[in-house]
Amino acid sequence: MRRVIFLDIDGVLLLHHNKGLSAILTEKPELLPGTIDKINEWEAKGHKIILTTGRMESMRRITERQLESFGIFYSMLIMEVSGDRVLINDKKPDGRIAASVINLDRNTGIGEIEL
């Protein structure tokens, strides 16, 4: 079954420095363990990768360059998704739940996630 996987950037794919958005410009980005392998695995299975971030739209170019420098490929990048996130989705006609959420501890990475 193909999936659409939404991934936050800071704290999920890249180390979150807890120093505000200005740290994105001054701190060297650090890739969290398992990121590339897991994204490549999901892409090979035909899943769509959508990245989300609380970063401002004005930081799009630097964000894209950072992702590209690590070889993180994705279908879409959605900026300015800050605050708590809520996914509202319908059930399939047969009652199957077609959405789920995984909350990770910050900066642990996605390497151990099995979908």
N, C-alpha and C. Protein backbone atom coordinates (compact mmCIF):
# COMPACT_ATOMS: atom_id res chain seq x y z
N MET A 1 0.84 -1.17 0.00
CA MET A 1 0.00 0.00 0.00
C MET A 1 0.89 1.24 0.00
N ARG A 2 0.64 2.13 -0.95
CA ARG A 2 1.39 3.39 -1.02
C ARG A 2 0.88 4.34 0.05
N ARG A 3 1.81 5.11 0.61
CA ARG A 3 1.46 6.04 1.67
C ARG A 3 1.99 7.43 1.35
N VAL A 4 1.38 8.41 1.97
CA VAL A 4 1.89 9.78 1.97
C VAL A 4 2.46 9.99 3.36
N ILE A 5 3.76 10.25 3.43
CA ILE A 5 4.45 10.37 4.71
C ILE A 5 4.84 11.82 4.92
N PHE A 6 4.32 12.42 5.98
CA PHE A 6 4.66 13.79 6.34
C PHE A 6 5.77 13.74 7.38
N LEU A 7 6.85 14.45 7.11
CA LEU A 7 7.99 14.47 8.02
C LEU A 7 8.35 15.91 8.37
N ASP A 8 8.49 16.19 9.65
CA ASP A 8 9.02 17.47 10.08
C ASP A 8 10.52 17.45 9.81
N ILE A 9 11.13 18.61 9.67
CA ILE A 9 12.56 18.66 9.38
C ILE A 9 13.38 18.72 10.66
N ASP A 10 13.24 19.81 11.42
CA ASP A 10 14.08 20.02 12.60
C ASP A 10 13.62 19.15 13.76
N GLY A 11 14.52 18.32 14.25
CA GLY A 11 14.20 17.41 15.34
C GLY A 11 13.77 16.03 14.87
N VAL A 12 13.48 15.89 13.57
CA VAL A 12 13.08 14.60 13.00
C VAL A 12 14.10 14.13 11.96
N LEU A 13 14.46 15.02 11.03
CA LEU A 13 15.47 14.69 10.01
C LEU A 13 16.83 15.30 10.35
N LEU A 14 16.79 16.54 10.84
CA LEU A 14 18.01 17.27 11.20
C LEU A 14 17.99 17.58 12.69
N LEU A 15 19.16 17.66 13.28
CA LEU A 15 19.28 17.98 14.70
C LEU A 15 18.64 19.33 14.98
N HIS A 16 17.77 19.35 15.99
CA HIS A 16 17.13 20.59 16.42
C HIS A 16 18.00 21.20 17.51
N HIS A 17 18.49 22.41 17.27
CA HIS A 17 19.43 23.04 18.20
C HIS A 17 18.76 23.77 19.36
N ASN A 18 17.44 23.92 19.34
CA ASN A 18 16.71 24.61 20.40
C ASN A 18 17.22 26.04 20.62
N LYS A 19 17.65 26.68 19.55
CA LYS A 19 18.18 28.04 19.66
C LYS A 19 17.41 29.01 18.78
N GLY A 20 16.26 28.65 18.30
CA GLY A 20 15.48 29.54 17.44
C GLY A 20 15.87 29.42 15.97
N LEU A 21 15.12 30.10 15.15
CA LEU A 21 15.33 30.01 13.71
C LEU A 21 16.66 30.59 13.27
N SER A 22 17.21 31.54 14.00
CA SER A 22 18.49 32.13 13.60
C SER A 22 19.61 31.09 13.63
N ALA A 23 19.48 30.06 14.46
CA ALA A 23 20.50 29.01 14.53
C ALA A 23 20.59 28.24 13.21
N ILE A 24 19.50 28.21 12.46
CA ILE A 24 19.51 27.53 11.17
C ILE A 24 20.52 28.19 10.23
N LEU A 25 20.69 29.49 10.40
CA LEU A 25 21.62 30.23 9.56
C LEU A 25 23.06 30.15 10.07
N THR A 26 23.22 29.96 11.38
CA THR A 26 24.56 30.02 11.96
C THR A 26 25.14 28.67 12.34
N GLU A 27 24.32 27.71 12.68
CA GLU A 27 24.79 26.39 13.08
C GLU A 27 24.88 25.48 11.86
N LYS A 28 25.90 24.66 11.81
CA LYS A 28 26.01 23.68 10.73
C LYS A 28 24.92 22.61 10.92
N PRO A 29 24.11 22.37 9.89
CA PRO A 29 23.05 21.36 10.05
C PRO A 29 23.66 19.97 10.24
N GLU A 30 23.02 19.18 11.09
CA GLU A 30 23.48 17.82 11.36
C GLU A 30 22.35 16.84 11.05
N LEU A 31 22.65 15.87 10.23
CA LEU A 31 21.69 14.84 9.85
C LEU A 31 21.51 13.85 11.00
N LEU A 32 20.28 13.51 11.31
CA LEU A 32 20.03 12.52 12.36
C LEU A 32 20.19 11.11 11.80
N PRO A 33 20.52 10.15 12.66
CA PRO A 33 20.80 8.77 12.22
C PRO A 33 19.63 8.14 11.47
N GLY A 34 19.96 7.44 10.40
CA GLY A 34 18.97 6.65 9.66
C GLY A 34 18.13 7.43 8.68
N THR A 35 18.31 8.74 8.61
CA THR A 35 17.44 9.58 7.78
C THR A 35 17.49 9.18 6.30
N ILE A 36 18.66 9.16 5.72
CA ILE A 36 18.77 8.89 4.28
C ILE A 36 18.31 7.48 3.95
N ASP A 37 18.76 6.51 4.72
CA ASP A 37 18.37 5.12 4.45
C ASP A 37 16.86 4.95 4.50
N LYS A 38 16.22 5.56 5.51
CA LYS A 38 14.78 5.39 5.67
C LYS A 38 14.01 6.10 4.54
N ILE A 39 14.42 7.31 4.21
CA ILE A 39 13.74 8.02 3.11
C ILE A 39 13.92 7.27 1.80
N ASN A 40 15.11 6.75 1.55
CA ASN A 40 15.33 5.96 0.33
C ASN A 40 14.49 4.70 0.33
N GLU A 41 14.37 4.05 1.47
CA GLU A 41 13.54 2.84 1.59
C GLU A 41 12.08 3.16 1.26
N TRP A 42 11.56 4.23 1.85
CA TRP A 42 10.17 4.61 1.62
C TRP A 42 9.94 5.02 0.18
N GLU A 43 10.88 5.75 -0.40
CA GLU A 43 10.75 6.17 -1.79
C GLU A 43 10.75 4.96 -2.72
N ALA A 44 11.59 3.98 -2.44
CA ALA A 44 11.66 2.76 -3.26
C ALA A 44 10.34 1.98 -3.20
N LYS A 45 9.61 2.11 -2.11
CA LYS A 45 8.31 1.44 -1.96
C LYS A 45 7.18 2.25 -2.60
N GLY A 46 7.52 3.41 -3.18
CA GLY A 46 6.52 4.22 -3.85
C GLY A 46 5.79 5.21 -2.97
N HIS A 47 6.25 5.38 -1.73
CA HIS A 47 5.60 6.34 -0.84
C HIS A 47 5.96 7.76 -1.24
N LYS A 48 5.05 8.67 -1.02
CA LYS A 48 5.29 10.10 -1.28
C LYS A 48 5.79 10.73 0.01
N ILE A 49 6.88 11.49 -0.08
CA ILE A 49 7.47 12.15 1.08
C ILE A 49 7.15 13.63 1.02
N ILE A 50 6.45 14.13 2.03
CA ILE A 50 6.14 15.55 2.14
C ILE A 50 6.81 16.06 3.41
N LEU A 51 7.66 17.06 3.26
CA LEU A 51 8.36 17.64 4.39
C LEU A 51 7.61 18.88 4.87
N THR A 52 7.54 19.03 6.19
CA THR A 52 6.93 20.20 6.79
C THR A 52 7.94 20.84 7.74
N THR A 53 7.81 22.13 7.94
CA THR A 53 8.71 22.83 8.84
C THR A 53 8.06 24.10 9.36
N GLY A 54 8.44 24.48 10.56
CA GLY A 54 8.01 25.75 11.12
C GLY A 54 8.84 26.91 10.60
N ARG A 55 9.86 26.61 9.81
CA ARG A 55 10.71 27.68 9.28
C ARG A 55 9.89 28.63 8.41
N MET A 56 10.29 29.89 8.43
CA MET A 56 9.60 30.91 7.65
C MET A 56 9.81 30.69 6.15
N GLU A 57 8.85 31.14 5.36
CA GLU A 57 8.94 31.02 3.90
C GLU A 57 10.21 31.68 3.37
N SER A 58 10.65 32.74 4.00
CA SER A 58 11.87 33.41 3.56
C SER A 58 13.11 32.54 3.73
N MET A 59 12.99 31.43 4.44
CA MET A 59 14.10 30.50 4.63
C MET A 59 14.04 29.31 3.68
N ARG A 60 13.13 29.37 2.71
CA ARG A 60 12.95 28.24 1.79
C ARG A 60 14.25 27.88 1.07
N ARG A 61 14.94 28.85 0.49
CA ARG A 61 16.15 28.52 -0.29
C ARG A 61 17.22 27.86 0.56
N ILE A 62 17.47 28.40 1.76
CA ILE A 62 18.49 27.79 2.61
C ILE A 62 18.05 26.39 3.04
N THR A 63 16.77 26.22 3.30
CA THR A 63 16.25 24.90 3.68
C THR A 63 16.43 23.92 2.54
N GLU A 64 16.08 24.33 1.33
CA GLU A 64 16.24 23.45 0.17
C GLU A 64 17.71 23.09 -0.04
N ARG A 65 18.61 24.06 0.13
CA ARG A 65 20.05 23.77 -0.02
C ARG A 65 20.54 22.80 1.04
N GLN A 66 20.07 22.96 2.27
CA GLN A 66 20.47 22.04 3.34
C GLN A 66 20.00 20.63 3.03
N LEU A 67 18.75 20.49 2.63
CA LEU A 67 18.21 19.17 2.31
C LEU A 67 18.97 18.54 1.15
N GLU A 68 19.23 19.33 0.11
CA GLU A 68 19.96 18.84 -1.05
C GLU A 68 21.38 18.41 -0.67
N SER A 69 22.03 19.16 0.22
CA SER A 69 23.41 18.83 0.60
C SER A 69 23.51 17.46 1.26
N PHE A 70 22.42 17.02 1.88
CA PHE A 70 22.40 15.70 2.52
C PHE A 70 21.82 14.62 1.61
N GLY A 71 21.30 15.01 0.46
CA GLY A 71 20.67 14.04 -0.42
C GLY A 71 19.28 13.64 0.06
N ILE A 72 18.58 14.54 0.73
CA ILE A 72 17.22 14.28 1.18
C ILE A 72 16.27 14.70 0.07
N PHE A 73 15.62 13.73 -0.53
CA PHE A 73 14.70 14.00 -1.62
C PHE A 73 13.27 13.89 -1.12
N TYR A 74 12.39 14.66 -1.72
CA TYR A 74 11.01 14.74 -1.24
C TYR A 74 10.11 15.18 -2.39
N SER A 75 8.81 15.01 -2.19
CA SER A 75 7.82 15.41 -3.19
C SER A 75 7.39 16.85 -3.02
N MET A 76 7.32 17.31 -1.77
CA MET A 76 6.81 18.64 -1.50
C MET A 76 7.42 19.15 -0.20
N LEU A 77 7.61 20.46 -0.11
CA LEU A 77 8.11 21.10 1.10
C LEU A 77 7.11 22.19 1.49
N ILE A 78 6.52 22.04 2.68
CA ILE A 78 5.54 23.00 3.18
C ILE A 78 6.17 23.78 4.32
N MET A 79 6.27 25.09 4.14
CA MET A 79 6.90 25.99 5.11
C MET A 79 5.85 26.56 6.07
N GLU A 80 6.34 27.10 7.20
CA GLU A 80 5.54 27.82 8.19
C GLU A 80 4.43 26.98 8.81
N VAL A 81 4.71 25.71 9.05
CA VAL A 81 3.78 24.83 9.74
C VAL A 81 4.22 24.79 11.20
N SER A 82 3.91 25.87 11.92
CA SER A 82 4.35 25.95 13.31
C SER A 82 3.16 25.72 14.24
N GLY A 83 3.45 25.45 15.49
CA GLY A 83 2.41 25.16 16.45
C GLY A 83 2.05 23.68 16.42
N ASP A 84 1.07 23.31 17.21
CA ASP A 84 0.62 21.91 17.24
C ASP A 84 -0.05 21.57 15.92
N ARG A 85 0.18 20.35 15.45
CA ARG A 85 -0.38 19.90 14.17
C ARG A 85 -1.51 18.91 14.41
N VAL A 86 -2.55 19.04 13.63
CA VAL A 86 -3.71 18.16 13.74
C VAL A 86 -4.03 17.64 12.35
N LEU A 87 -4.15 16.33 12.21
CA LEU A 87 -4.54 15.71 10.95
C LEU A 87 -5.98 15.22 11.09
N ILE A 88 -6.83 15.69 10.19
CA ILE A 88 -8.23 15.25 10.18
C ILE A 88 -8.44 14.53 8.86
N ASN A 89 -8.88 13.30 8.94
CA ASN A 89 -9.02 12.45 7.75
C ASN A 89 -10.27 11.60 7.89
N ASP A 90 -10.83 11.19 6.77
CA ASP A 90 -12.01 10.33 6.82
C ASP A 90 -11.61 8.86 6.85
N LYS A 91 -12.53 8.02 7.36
CA LYS A 91 -12.35 6.58 7.32
C LYS A 91 -12.75 6.10 5.93
N LYS A 92 -12.17 4.99 5.51
CA LYS A 92 -12.56 4.38 4.24
C LYS A 92 -13.96 3.78 4.40
N PRO A 93 -14.70 3.57 3.30
CA PRO A 93 -16.05 3.03 3.39
C PRO A 93 -16.14 1.70 4.15
N ASP A 94 -15.05 0.92 4.12
CA ASP A 94 -15.05 -0.35 4.85
C ASP A 94 -14.69 -0.17 6.32
N GLY A 95 -14.51 1.08 6.77
CA GLY A 95 -14.20 1.36 8.16
C GLY A 95 -12.72 1.47 8.47
N ARG A 96 -11.87 1.18 7.48
CA ARG A 96 -10.42 1.22 7.71
C ARG A 96 -9.97 2.63 8.02
N ILE A 97 -9.15 2.75 9.04
CA ILE A 97 -8.55 4.02 9.41
C ILE A 97 -7.39 4.28 8.46
N ALA A 98 -7.41 5.42 7.78
CA ALA A 98 -6.43 5.69 6.74
C ALA A 98 -5.42 6.77 7.14
N ALA A 99 -5.30 7.03 8.43
CA ALA A 99 -4.32 8.01 8.90
C ALA A 99 -3.81 7.57 10.27
N SER A 100 -2.57 7.87 10.53
CA SER A 100 -2.00 7.59 11.84
C SER A 100 -0.95 8.64 12.13
N VAL A 101 -0.45 8.64 13.35
CA VAL A 101 0.58 9.59 13.74
C VAL A 101 1.64 8.87 14.56
N ILE A 102 2.88 9.28 14.37
CA ILE A 102 3.99 8.77 15.17
C ILE A 102 4.68 10.00 15.76
N ASN A 103 4.73 10.08 17.07
CA ASN A 103 5.42 11.18 17.74
C ASN A 103 6.75 10.66 18.27
N LEU A 104 7.84 11.22 17.76
CA LEU A 104 9.18 10.82 18.17
C LEU A 104 9.71 11.74 19.26
N ASP A 105 10.60 11.22 20.08
CA ASP A 105 11.37 12.10 20.94
C ASP A 105 12.25 12.94 20.04
N ARG A 106 12.37 14.21 20.34
CA ARG A 106 13.16 15.13 19.51
C ARG A 106 14.58 14.62 19.34
N ASN A 107 15.09 14.73 18.12
CA ASN A 107 16.47 14.41 17.73
C ASN A 107 16.82 12.92 17.81
N THR A 108 15.82 12.03 17.81
CA THR A 108 16.13 10.59 17.81
C THR A 108 16.22 10.03 16.40
N GLY A 109 15.64 10.71 15.40
CA GLY A 109 15.71 10.26 14.01
C GLY A 109 14.63 9.27 13.66
N ILE A 110 14.56 8.96 12.36
CA ILE A 110 13.50 8.10 11.82
C ILE A 110 13.98 6.69 11.49
N GLY A 111 15.25 6.41 11.77
CA GLY A 111 15.86 5.16 11.35
C GLY A 111 15.16 3.89 11.82
N GLU A 112 14.52 3.93 12.95
CA GLU A 112 13.90 2.72 13.52
C GLU A 112 12.40 2.60 13.22
N ILE A 113 11.84 3.52 12.48
CA ILE A 113 10.41 3.49 12.19
C ILE A 113 10.10 2.42 11.15
N GLU A 114 9.12 1.60 11.43
CA GLU A 114 8.63 0.59 10.48
C GLU A 114 7.19 0.92 10.16
N LEU A 115 6.90 1.07 8.88
CA LEU A 115 5.52 1.36 8.45
C LEU A 115 4.88 0.12 7.85
